[in-house]
N, C-alpha and C. Protein backbone atom coordinates (compact mmCIF):
# COMPACT_ATOMS: atom_id res chain seq x y z
N UNK A 1 89.72 -48.12 -42.31
CA UNK A 1 88.91 -47.27 -41.45
C UNK A 1 87.44 -47.59 -41.69
N UNK A 2 86.72 -47.81 -40.61
CA UNK A 2 85.29 -48.11 -40.72
C UNK A 2 84.50 -46.84 -40.98
N UNK A 3 83.54 -46.96 -41.89
CA UNK A 3 82.71 -45.82 -42.29
C UNK A 3 81.33 -46.00 -41.67
N UNK A 4 81.04 -45.20 -40.64
CA UNK A 4 79.80 -45.34 -39.88
C UNK A 4 78.93 -44.13 -40.10
N UNK A 5 77.69 -44.36 -40.52
CA UNK A 5 76.74 -43.28 -40.70
C UNK A 5 76.03 -42.96 -39.39
N UNK A 6 75.63 -41.71 -39.24
CA UNK A 6 74.80 -41.27 -38.12
C UNK A 6 73.60 -40.57 -38.72
N UNK A 7 72.40 -41.11 -38.47
CA UNK A 7 71.19 -40.47 -38.96
C UNK A 7 71.17 -39.05 -38.42
N UNK A 8 71.19 -38.07 -39.32
CA UNK A 8 71.41 -36.67 -38.92
C UNK A 8 70.19 -35.81 -39.19
N UNK A 9 69.02 -36.31 -38.83
CA UNK A 9 67.80 -35.54 -39.03
C UNK A 9 67.42 -34.74 -37.79
N UNK A 10 67.75 -35.27 -36.61
CA UNK A 10 67.38 -34.64 -35.35
C UNK A 10 68.04 -35.43 -34.24
N UNK A 11 68.31 -34.81 -33.12
CA UNK A 11 68.83 -35.54 -31.97
C UNK A 11 70.32 -35.37 -31.75
N UNK A 12 70.90 -36.31 -31.04
CA UNK A 12 72.30 -36.24 -30.58
C UNK A 12 73.27 -36.67 -31.68
N UNK A 13 73.25 -35.98 -32.78
CA UNK A 13 74.07 -36.32 -33.95
C UNK A 13 75.54 -35.98 -33.69
N UNK A 14 75.79 -34.74 -33.33
CA UNK A 14 77.16 -34.25 -33.15
C UNK A 14 77.93 -35.10 -32.13
N UNK A 15 77.25 -35.46 -31.03
CA UNK A 15 77.90 -36.25 -29.99
C UNK A 15 78.33 -37.63 -30.50
N UNK A 16 77.48 -38.27 -31.29
CA UNK A 16 77.83 -39.58 -31.85
C UNK A 16 78.98 -39.44 -32.85
N UNK A 17 78.93 -38.42 -33.68
CA UNK A 17 79.98 -38.22 -34.68
C UNK A 17 81.33 -38.01 -33.99
N UNK A 18 81.35 -37.17 -32.98
CA UNK A 18 82.60 -36.92 -32.26
C UNK A 18 83.13 -38.20 -31.62
N UNK A 19 82.25 -38.98 -31.01
CA UNK A 19 82.68 -40.22 -30.35
C UNK A 19 83.20 -41.23 -31.39
N UNK A 20 82.52 -41.34 -32.53
CA UNK A 20 82.97 -42.25 -33.59
C UNK A 20 84.34 -41.83 -34.12
N UNK A 21 84.53 -40.54 -34.33
CA UNK A 21 85.82 -40.05 -34.80
C UNK A 21 86.91 -40.31 -33.77
N UNK A 22 86.60 -40.17 -32.49
CA UNK A 22 87.56 -40.47 -31.44
C UNK A 22 87.95 -41.95 -31.43
N UNK A 23 87.04 -42.80 -31.94
CA UNK A 23 87.33 -44.23 -32.03
C UNK A 23 88.04 -44.60 -33.34
N UNK A 24 88.37 -43.59 -34.15
CA UNK A 24 89.11 -43.83 -35.38
C UNK A 24 88.25 -44.17 -36.58
N UNK A 25 86.95 -43.91 -36.50
CA UNK A 25 86.04 -44.18 -37.61
C UNK A 25 85.86 -42.94 -38.48
N UNK A 26 85.46 -43.17 -39.71
CA UNK A 26 84.99 -42.07 -40.54
C UNK A 26 83.49 -41.96 -40.27
N UNK A 27 83.07 -40.85 -39.69
CA UNK A 27 81.65 -40.63 -39.37
C UNK A 27 81.00 -39.83 -40.49
N UNK A 28 79.84 -40.32 -40.95
CA UNK A 28 79.13 -39.71 -42.07
C UNK A 28 77.74 -39.28 -41.62
N UNK A 29 77.41 -38.02 -41.82
CA UNK A 29 76.05 -37.56 -41.53
C UNK A 29 75.11 -38.09 -42.60
N UNK A 30 74.05 -38.76 -42.18
CA UNK A 30 73.07 -39.32 -43.11
C UNK A 30 71.83 -38.43 -43.09
N UNK A 31 71.64 -37.72 -44.20
CA UNK A 31 70.48 -36.83 -44.34
C UNK A 31 69.62 -37.17 -45.55
N UNK A 32 70.18 -37.95 -46.46
CA UNK A 32 69.45 -38.34 -47.67
C UNK A 32 69.92 -39.72 -48.11
N UNK A 33 69.17 -40.31 -49.05
CA UNK A 33 69.43 -41.69 -49.45
C UNK A 33 70.87 -41.94 -49.90
N UNK A 34 71.44 -41.03 -50.67
CA UNK A 34 72.79 -41.27 -51.18
C UNK A 34 73.84 -41.30 -50.07
N UNK A 35 73.52 -40.77 -48.87
CA UNK A 35 74.45 -40.83 -47.75
C UNK A 35 74.57 -42.24 -47.17
N UNK A 36 73.66 -43.13 -47.54
CA UNK A 36 73.65 -44.51 -47.03
C UNK A 36 74.58 -45.44 -47.81
N UNK A 37 75.17 -44.93 -48.88
CA UNK A 37 76.02 -45.75 -49.75
C UNK A 37 77.36 -46.04 -49.07
N UNK A 38 77.79 -47.29 -49.15
CA UNK A 38 79.11 -47.74 -48.67
C UNK A 38 79.32 -47.54 -47.17
N UNK A 39 78.29 -47.70 -46.39
CA UNK A 39 78.45 -47.63 -44.94
C UNK A 39 78.78 -49.01 -44.38
N UNK A 40 79.58 -49.03 -43.32
CA UNK A 40 79.87 -50.27 -42.61
C UNK A 40 78.92 -50.46 -41.44
N UNK A 41 78.26 -49.39 -41.02
CA UNK A 41 77.31 -49.43 -39.92
C UNK A 41 76.53 -48.12 -39.88
N UNK A 42 75.46 -48.11 -39.08
CA UNK A 42 74.61 -46.92 -38.98
C UNK A 42 74.16 -46.75 -37.53
N UNK A 43 74.27 -45.51 -37.04
CA UNK A 43 73.79 -45.16 -35.71
C UNK A 43 72.51 -44.35 -35.85
N UNK A 44 71.48 -44.77 -35.10
CA UNK A 44 70.22 -44.04 -35.02
C UNK A 44 70.23 -43.37 -33.64
N UNK A 45 70.47 -42.07 -33.59
CA UNK A 45 70.70 -41.41 -32.30
C UNK A 45 69.43 -41.17 -31.49
N UNK A 46 69.67 -40.78 -30.25
CA UNK A 46 68.56 -40.34 -29.41
C UNK A 46 68.03 -39.01 -29.91
N UNK A 47 66.83 -38.70 -29.54
CA UNK A 47 66.16 -37.48 -29.94
C UNK A 47 64.68 -37.64 -29.65
N UNK A 48 63.86 -37.17 -30.54
CA UNK A 48 62.41 -37.29 -30.37
C UNK A 48 61.90 -38.20 -31.49
N UNK A 49 61.46 -39.40 -31.13
CA UNK A 49 61.16 -40.44 -32.13
C UNK A 49 60.03 -40.05 -33.08
N UNK A 50 59.02 -39.35 -32.60
CA UNK A 50 57.91 -38.96 -33.49
C UNK A 50 58.41 -37.99 -34.55
N UNK A 51 59.22 -37.02 -34.14
CA UNK A 51 59.80 -36.07 -35.09
C UNK A 51 60.73 -36.80 -36.06
N UNK A 52 61.54 -37.72 -35.54
CA UNK A 52 62.46 -38.45 -36.41
C UNK A 52 61.69 -39.26 -37.45
N UNK A 53 60.58 -39.88 -37.03
CA UNK A 53 59.77 -40.66 -37.99
C UNK A 53 59.23 -39.76 -39.10
N UNK A 54 58.72 -38.59 -38.73
CA UNK A 54 58.20 -37.66 -39.75
C UNK A 54 59.29 -37.27 -40.73
N UNK A 55 60.49 -37.03 -40.22
CA UNK A 55 61.59 -36.65 -41.09
C UNK A 55 62.08 -37.83 -41.93
N UNK A 56 62.06 -39.04 -41.38
CA UNK A 56 62.39 -40.22 -42.18
C UNK A 56 61.45 -40.35 -43.37
N UNK A 57 60.16 -40.09 -43.13
CA UNK A 57 59.18 -40.14 -44.21
C UNK A 57 59.42 -39.02 -45.21
N UNK A 58 59.62 -37.80 -44.71
CA UNK A 58 59.79 -36.64 -45.59
C UNK A 58 61.00 -36.81 -46.51
N UNK A 59 62.10 -37.34 -45.97
CA UNK A 59 63.32 -37.48 -46.76
C UNK A 59 63.45 -38.87 -47.40
N UNK A 60 62.36 -39.65 -47.34
CA UNK A 60 62.29 -40.97 -47.97
C UNK A 60 63.44 -41.88 -47.56
N UNK A 61 63.69 -41.92 -46.24
CA UNK A 61 64.78 -42.74 -45.70
C UNK A 61 64.29 -43.99 -44.99
N UNK A 62 63.02 -44.06 -44.65
CA UNK A 62 62.51 -45.19 -43.87
C UNK A 62 62.76 -46.52 -44.58
N UNK A 63 62.30 -46.65 -45.80
CA UNK A 63 62.45 -47.92 -46.53
C UNK A 63 63.91 -48.25 -46.83
N UNK A 64 64.73 -47.30 -47.29
CA UNK A 64 66.14 -47.65 -47.53
C UNK A 64 66.86 -48.13 -46.26
N UNK A 65 66.57 -47.51 -45.11
CA UNK A 65 67.21 -47.94 -43.86
C UNK A 65 66.68 -49.31 -43.46
N UNK A 66 65.38 -49.54 -43.60
CA UNK A 66 64.80 -50.85 -43.29
C UNK A 66 65.45 -51.93 -44.16
N UNK A 67 65.62 -51.65 -45.45
CA UNK A 67 66.23 -52.63 -46.36
C UNK A 67 67.68 -52.93 -45.97
N UNK A 68 68.42 -51.90 -45.57
CA UNK A 68 69.81 -52.12 -45.13
C UNK A 68 69.85 -53.00 -43.88
N UNK A 69 68.94 -52.76 -42.95
CA UNK A 69 68.87 -53.60 -41.74
C UNK A 69 68.53 -55.03 -42.10
N UNK A 70 67.59 -55.21 -43.01
CA UNK A 70 67.19 -56.56 -43.42
C UNK A 70 68.31 -57.28 -44.15
N UNK A 71 69.21 -56.53 -44.79
CA UNK A 71 70.35 -57.13 -45.49
C UNK A 71 71.54 -57.34 -44.57
N UNK A 72 71.43 -56.90 -43.29
CA UNK A 72 72.48 -57.19 -42.33
C UNK A 72 73.41 -56.05 -41.97
N UNK A 73 73.11 -54.82 -42.38
CA UNK A 73 73.97 -53.71 -41.99
C UNK A 73 73.89 -53.52 -40.47
N UNK A 74 75.02 -53.52 -39.76
CA UNK A 74 74.99 -53.29 -38.32
C UNK A 74 74.40 -51.92 -38.00
N UNK A 75 73.49 -51.89 -37.03
CA UNK A 75 72.86 -50.65 -36.61
C UNK A 75 72.82 -50.58 -35.09
N UNK A 76 72.99 -49.36 -34.59
CA UNK A 76 72.96 -49.09 -33.16
C UNK A 76 71.95 -47.97 -32.92
N UNK A 77 70.90 -48.27 -32.17
CA UNK A 77 69.88 -47.28 -31.85
C UNK A 77 69.90 -46.93 -30.38
N UNK A 78 70.06 -45.64 -30.09
CA UNK A 78 70.04 -45.18 -28.71
C UNK A 78 68.75 -44.41 -28.45
N UNK A 79 68.04 -44.77 -27.41
CA UNK A 79 66.81 -44.11 -26.96
C UNK A 79 65.79 -44.03 -28.10
N UNK A 80 65.64 -42.89 -28.75
CA UNK A 80 64.70 -42.78 -29.87
C UNK A 80 65.09 -43.74 -31.00
N UNK A 81 66.38 -43.97 -31.19
CA UNK A 81 66.83 -44.93 -32.19
C UNK A 81 66.35 -46.34 -31.90
N UNK A 82 66.33 -46.71 -30.62
CA UNK A 82 65.77 -48.00 -30.22
C UNK A 82 64.28 -48.06 -30.55
N UNK A 83 63.57 -46.99 -30.26
CA UNK A 83 62.13 -46.93 -30.58
C UNK A 83 61.92 -47.11 -32.08
N UNK A 84 62.75 -46.46 -32.89
CA UNK A 84 62.63 -46.58 -34.35
C UNK A 84 62.86 -48.02 -34.81
N UNK A 85 63.79 -48.74 -34.19
CA UNK A 85 64.15 -50.09 -34.64
C UNK A 85 63.18 -51.17 -34.18
N UNK A 86 62.46 -50.96 -33.09
CA UNK A 86 61.64 -52.00 -32.47
C UNK A 86 60.57 -52.56 -33.40
N UNK A 87 60.41 -53.90 -33.37
CA UNK A 87 59.32 -54.54 -34.12
C UNK A 87 57.96 -54.10 -33.61
N UNK A 88 57.87 -53.91 -32.30
CA UNK A 88 56.58 -53.59 -31.68
C UNK A 88 56.77 -52.47 -30.67
N UNK A 89 55.83 -51.51 -30.69
CA UNK A 89 55.79 -50.45 -29.70
C UNK A 89 54.51 -50.59 -28.90
N UNK A 90 54.60 -50.38 -27.59
CA UNK A 90 53.42 -50.42 -26.74
C UNK A 90 52.57 -49.18 -27.07
N UNK A 91 51.31 -49.39 -27.40
CA UNK A 91 50.36 -48.31 -27.69
C UNK A 91 50.74 -47.41 -28.86
N UNK A 92 51.44 -47.96 -29.85
CA UNK A 92 51.79 -47.17 -31.03
C UNK A 92 52.17 -48.12 -32.17
N UNK A 93 52.24 -47.57 -33.37
CA UNK A 93 52.67 -48.35 -34.54
C UNK A 93 54.19 -48.33 -34.63
N UNK A 94 54.76 -49.43 -35.06
CA UNK A 94 56.22 -49.50 -35.20
C UNK A 94 56.67 -48.65 -36.39
N UNK A 95 57.98 -48.40 -36.44
CA UNK A 95 58.55 -47.55 -37.49
C UNK A 95 59.37 -48.41 -38.46
N UNK A 96 60.63 -48.65 -38.16
CA UNK A 96 61.45 -49.51 -39.02
C UNK A 96 61.09 -50.98 -38.84
N UNK A 97 60.75 -51.37 -37.63
CA UNK A 97 60.32 -52.74 -37.31
C UNK A 97 61.35 -53.78 -37.75
N UNK A 98 62.61 -53.61 -37.27
CA UNK A 98 63.67 -54.52 -37.67
C UNK A 98 64.30 -55.29 -36.50
N UNK A 99 64.08 -54.84 -35.27
CA UNK A 99 64.67 -55.51 -34.10
C UNK A 99 63.57 -56.22 -33.33
N UNK A 100 63.82 -57.48 -32.97
CA UNK A 100 62.81 -58.33 -32.35
C UNK A 100 62.63 -58.00 -30.87
N UNK A 101 62.11 -56.81 -30.61
CA UNK A 101 61.85 -56.34 -29.25
C UNK A 101 60.53 -55.59 -29.22
N UNK A 102 59.91 -55.57 -28.05
CA UNK A 102 58.74 -54.74 -27.80
C UNK A 102 59.19 -53.63 -26.86
N UNK A 103 58.96 -52.38 -27.26
CA UNK A 103 59.47 -51.24 -26.51
C UNK A 103 58.33 -50.39 -25.97
N UNK A 104 58.49 -49.96 -24.73
CA UNK A 104 57.58 -49.01 -24.10
C UNK A 104 58.33 -47.67 -23.99
N UNK A 105 57.68 -46.62 -24.44
CA UNK A 105 58.29 -45.28 -24.40
C UNK A 105 58.22 -44.68 -22.99
N UNK A 106 59.07 -43.70 -22.76
CA UNK A 106 59.05 -42.87 -21.54
C UNK A 106 58.89 -43.70 -20.26
N UNK A 107 59.58 -44.80 -20.19
CA UNK A 107 59.47 -45.72 -19.05
C UNK A 107 60.00 -45.14 -17.75
N UNK A 108 60.90 -44.18 -17.86
CA UNK A 108 61.52 -43.62 -16.67
C UNK A 108 61.02 -42.21 -16.37
N UNK A 109 59.86 -41.85 -16.90
CA UNK A 109 59.27 -40.57 -16.55
C UNK A 109 59.57 -39.46 -17.54
N UNK A 110 59.25 -38.27 -17.11
CA UNK A 110 59.38 -37.08 -17.94
C UNK A 110 60.80 -36.54 -17.94
N UNK A 111 61.02 -35.52 -18.75
CA UNK A 111 62.33 -34.90 -18.89
C UNK A 111 62.94 -34.48 -17.54
N UNK A 112 62.12 -33.91 -16.67
CA UNK A 112 62.63 -33.43 -15.37
C UNK A 112 63.05 -34.58 -14.46
N UNK A 113 62.68 -35.80 -14.80
CA UNK A 113 63.06 -36.96 -14.01
C UNK A 113 64.28 -37.69 -14.59
N UNK A 114 65.00 -37.03 -15.47
CA UNK A 114 66.20 -37.61 -16.07
C UNK A 114 67.24 -37.88 -14.98
N UNK A 115 68.10 -38.90 -15.22
CA UNK A 115 69.10 -39.25 -14.23
C UNK A 115 70.25 -39.99 -14.90
N UNK A 116 71.34 -40.14 -14.14
CA UNK A 116 72.50 -40.89 -14.61
C UNK A 116 72.86 -41.92 -13.55
N UNK A 117 73.19 -43.13 -14.01
CA UNK A 117 73.64 -44.20 -13.13
C UNK A 117 74.90 -44.83 -13.73
N UNK A 118 75.58 -45.63 -12.93
CA UNK A 118 76.72 -46.42 -13.42
C UNK A 118 76.25 -47.86 -13.53
N UNK A 119 76.53 -48.47 -14.67
CA UNK A 119 76.10 -49.85 -14.93
C UNK A 119 77.29 -50.77 -15.09
N UNK A 120 77.16 -51.97 -14.56
CA UNK A 120 78.13 -53.03 -14.84
C UNK A 120 77.52 -53.90 -15.92
N UNK A 121 78.16 -53.92 -17.09
CA UNK A 121 77.66 -54.68 -18.23
C UNK A 121 78.73 -55.73 -18.55
N UNK A 122 78.47 -56.99 -18.19
CA UNK A 122 79.51 -58.03 -18.29
C UNK A 122 80.27 -58.07 -19.62
N UNK A 123 79.60 -57.93 -20.75
CA UNK A 123 80.29 -58.03 -22.04
C UNK A 123 81.03 -56.74 -22.42
N UNK A 124 80.81 -55.66 -21.64
CA UNK A 124 81.37 -54.36 -22.04
C UNK A 124 82.28 -53.76 -20.98
N UNK A 125 81.87 -53.79 -19.73
CA UNK A 125 82.72 -53.21 -18.69
C UNK A 125 81.96 -52.84 -17.43
N UNK A 126 82.70 -52.35 -16.46
CA UNK A 126 82.12 -51.97 -15.17
C UNK A 126 81.99 -50.46 -15.07
N UNK A 127 81.03 -50.02 -14.26
CA UNK A 127 80.81 -48.60 -13.95
C UNK A 127 80.67 -47.75 -15.21
N UNK A 128 79.87 -48.23 -16.15
CA UNK A 128 79.62 -47.48 -17.39
C UNK A 128 78.53 -46.45 -17.11
N UNK A 129 78.81 -45.16 -17.37
CA UNK A 129 77.79 -44.14 -17.11
C UNK A 129 76.65 -44.24 -18.14
N UNK A 130 75.42 -44.17 -17.61
CA UNK A 130 74.24 -44.26 -18.47
C UNK A 130 73.31 -43.10 -18.14
N UNK A 131 73.03 -42.27 -19.14
CA UNK A 131 72.17 -41.10 -18.97
C UNK A 131 70.78 -41.46 -19.51
N UNK A 132 69.78 -41.37 -18.64
CA UNK A 132 68.39 -41.68 -18.99
C UNK A 132 67.60 -40.38 -19.11
N UNK A 133 67.08 -40.12 -20.32
CA UNK A 133 66.26 -38.93 -20.57
C UNK A 133 64.97 -39.39 -21.24
N UNK A 134 63.87 -39.37 -20.51
CA UNK A 134 62.59 -39.88 -21.03
C UNK A 134 62.79 -41.24 -21.71
N UNK A 135 63.56 -42.06 -21.07
CA UNK A 135 64.05 -43.30 -21.69
C UNK A 135 62.97 -44.36 -21.85
N UNK A 136 63.03 -45.08 -22.97
CA UNK A 136 62.18 -46.25 -23.16
C UNK A 136 62.84 -47.46 -22.49
N UNK A 137 62.16 -48.59 -22.51
CA UNK A 137 62.79 -49.85 -22.14
C UNK A 137 62.16 -50.95 -22.99
N UNK A 138 62.82 -52.09 -23.03
CA UNK A 138 62.34 -53.23 -23.78
C UNK A 138 61.52 -54.11 -22.84
N UNK A 139 60.24 -54.21 -23.11
CA UNK A 139 59.34 -55.03 -22.27
C UNK A 139 59.58 -56.52 -22.52
N UNK A 140 59.75 -56.87 -23.79
CA UNK A 140 60.03 -58.25 -24.16
C UNK A 140 61.06 -58.26 -25.29
N UNK A 141 61.76 -59.39 -25.39
CA UNK A 141 62.71 -59.57 -26.48
C UNK A 141 62.47 -60.94 -27.10
N UNK A 142 62.80 -61.08 -28.37
CA UNK A 142 62.67 -62.35 -29.06
C UNK A 142 63.64 -63.38 -28.53
N UNK A 143 63.42 -64.64 -28.88
CA UNK A 143 64.22 -65.74 -28.33
C UNK A 143 65.70 -65.66 -28.73
N UNK A 144 66.01 -65.01 -29.84
CA UNK A 144 67.40 -64.91 -30.28
C UNK A 144 68.06 -63.60 -29.87
N UNK A 145 67.35 -62.77 -29.10
CA UNK A 145 67.89 -61.48 -28.67
C UNK A 145 68.65 -61.67 -27.36
N UNK A 146 69.87 -61.15 -27.33
CA UNK A 146 70.72 -61.25 -26.14
C UNK A 146 70.55 -60.00 -25.28
N UNK A 147 70.12 -60.19 -24.06
CA UNK A 147 69.99 -59.08 -23.11
C UNK A 147 71.37 -58.79 -22.54
N UNK A 148 71.84 -57.56 -22.72
CA UNK A 148 73.17 -57.18 -22.25
C UNK A 148 73.12 -56.43 -20.92
N UNK A 149 72.01 -55.70 -20.66
CA UNK A 149 71.92 -54.94 -19.40
C UNK A 149 70.47 -54.69 -19.03
N UNK A 150 70.25 -54.65 -17.72
CA UNK A 150 68.95 -54.30 -17.16
C UNK A 150 69.16 -53.26 -16.06
N UNK A 151 68.12 -52.48 -15.80
CA UNK A 151 68.15 -51.51 -14.69
C UNK A 151 66.77 -51.52 -14.05
N UNK A 152 66.74 -51.73 -12.76
CA UNK A 152 65.48 -51.78 -12.01
C UNK A 152 64.50 -52.78 -12.63
N UNK A 153 65.03 -53.92 -13.09
CA UNK A 153 64.20 -54.97 -13.67
C UNK A 153 63.75 -54.71 -15.10
N UNK A 154 64.22 -53.64 -15.71
CA UNK A 154 63.84 -53.31 -17.09
C UNK A 154 65.03 -53.56 -18.02
N UNK A 155 64.74 -54.12 -19.19
CA UNK A 155 65.78 -54.38 -20.19
C UNK A 155 66.14 -53.06 -20.87
N UNK A 156 67.43 -52.70 -20.81
CA UNK A 156 67.85 -51.40 -21.33
C UNK A 156 68.94 -51.48 -22.39
N UNK A 157 69.51 -52.66 -22.61
CA UNK A 157 70.53 -52.83 -23.65
C UNK A 157 70.43 -54.26 -24.15
N UNK A 158 70.26 -54.42 -25.46
CA UNK A 158 70.11 -55.76 -26.03
C UNK A 158 70.67 -55.79 -27.44
N UNK A 159 71.06 -57.01 -27.84
CA UNK A 159 71.61 -57.23 -29.17
C UNK A 159 70.78 -58.28 -29.88
N UNK A 160 70.36 -57.95 -31.08
CA UNK A 160 69.62 -58.87 -31.94
C UNK A 160 70.47 -59.07 -33.20
N UNK A 161 71.45 -59.96 -33.11
CA UNK A 161 72.35 -60.20 -34.24
C UNK A 161 73.17 -58.96 -34.56
N UNK A 162 72.88 -58.32 -35.68
CA UNK A 162 73.63 -57.14 -36.13
C UNK A 162 73.01 -55.83 -35.64
N UNK A 163 72.00 -55.93 -34.76
CA UNK A 163 71.30 -54.74 -34.25
C UNK A 163 71.53 -54.60 -32.75
N UNK A 164 71.89 -53.41 -32.32
CA UNK A 164 72.12 -53.11 -30.91
C UNK A 164 71.16 -52.00 -30.51
N UNK A 165 70.37 -52.24 -29.46
CA UNK A 165 69.41 -51.24 -28.99
C UNK A 165 69.69 -50.86 -27.55
N UNK A 166 69.64 -49.57 -27.27
CA UNK A 166 70.03 -49.03 -25.98
C UNK A 166 68.99 -48.00 -25.52
N UNK A 167 68.54 -48.11 -24.28
CA UNK A 167 67.53 -47.19 -23.74
C UNK A 167 68.10 -45.84 -23.34
N UNK A 168 69.38 -45.80 -23.06
CA UNK A 168 69.99 -44.58 -22.51
C UNK A 168 70.90 -43.93 -23.54
N UNK A 169 71.62 -42.90 -23.12
CA UNK A 169 72.45 -42.09 -24.02
C UNK A 169 73.93 -42.20 -23.67
N UNK A 170 74.65 -43.20 -24.18
CA UNK A 170 76.08 -43.28 -23.90
C UNK A 170 76.86 -42.12 -24.55
N UNK A 171 76.32 -41.53 -25.60
CA UNK A 171 77.00 -40.45 -26.31
C UNK A 171 77.06 -39.16 -25.51
N UNK A 172 76.27 -39.06 -24.44
CA UNK A 172 76.26 -37.85 -23.62
C UNK A 172 77.27 -37.93 -22.47
N UNK A 173 78.13 -38.94 -22.52
CA UNK A 173 79.20 -39.09 -21.53
C UNK A 173 80.53 -39.13 -22.29
N UNK A 174 81.61 -39.17 -21.57
CA UNK A 174 82.92 -39.28 -22.22
C UNK A 174 83.36 -40.74 -22.35
N UNK A 175 82.54 -41.67 -21.88
CA UNK A 175 82.87 -43.09 -21.90
C UNK A 175 82.47 -43.69 -23.25
N UNK A 176 83.44 -44.20 -23.99
CA UNK A 176 83.19 -44.70 -25.35
C UNK A 176 82.93 -46.20 -25.42
N UNK A 177 82.89 -46.90 -24.30
CA UNK A 177 82.89 -48.37 -24.34
C UNK A 177 81.68 -48.98 -25.04
N UNK A 178 80.51 -48.41 -24.91
CA UNK A 178 79.34 -49.01 -25.57
C UNK A 178 79.43 -48.81 -27.08
N UNK A 179 79.79 -47.62 -27.52
CA UNK A 179 79.94 -47.37 -28.95
C UNK A 179 81.12 -48.20 -29.50
N UNK A 180 82.16 -48.34 -28.70
CA UNK A 180 83.30 -49.17 -29.10
C UNK A 180 82.88 -50.63 -29.26
N UNK A 181 82.03 -51.13 -28.36
CA UNK A 181 81.49 -52.49 -28.49
C UNK A 181 80.79 -52.64 -29.84
N UNK A 182 79.97 -51.66 -30.21
CA UNK A 182 79.28 -51.70 -31.50
C UNK A 182 80.28 -51.73 -32.65
N UNK A 183 81.23 -50.82 -32.64
CA UNK A 183 82.19 -50.69 -33.74
C UNK A 183 83.09 -51.93 -33.85
N UNK A 184 83.60 -52.41 -32.72
CA UNK A 184 84.58 -53.51 -32.74
C UNK A 184 83.89 -54.88 -32.88
N UNK A 185 82.79 -55.09 -32.16
CA UNK A 185 82.17 -56.41 -32.11
C UNK A 185 81.13 -56.65 -33.19
N UNK A 186 80.57 -55.58 -33.75
CA UNK A 186 79.43 -55.76 -34.65
C UNK A 186 79.68 -55.25 -36.06
N UNK A 187 80.53 -54.24 -36.22
CA UNK A 187 80.73 -53.65 -37.56
C UNK A 187 81.88 -54.33 -38.25
């Protein structure tokens, strides 16, 4: 059984845990450094990235998570999690700086402009529901980063080796295919 951590400081924690358990994984809430021990992968959920960064600092998790990423631990960042992983942020300082992407925040507008679309993602499947809530997008990606999906000309799903970054919230749907791709193909 794969043991997958979910950063549990703020955001869509419960939804990721439930989806991971439905996929047959042992889901572990990560709230402190010792929760990072013996993980096969780590999910950085959607939420509010500025708040998450403050909590990462307060609970002294930023450096341990960065070190795990640098050592090759598979990580999946959704929305705010993508922002946390990006090497570069437009008009802001990076946080973990482990994924070779440049990310722009709130690319799809404010909270009231949230929407859901169906995406065809060749490596994952057709008609995958994607929920966009103040979603970021990847403006640029490094030469070794594989673009998995775009929407309206914006990069919204990409893989950088053992790191998967997603602009939208797959955990807010009942469709497990994107999280399953992470668990089966990367962990």
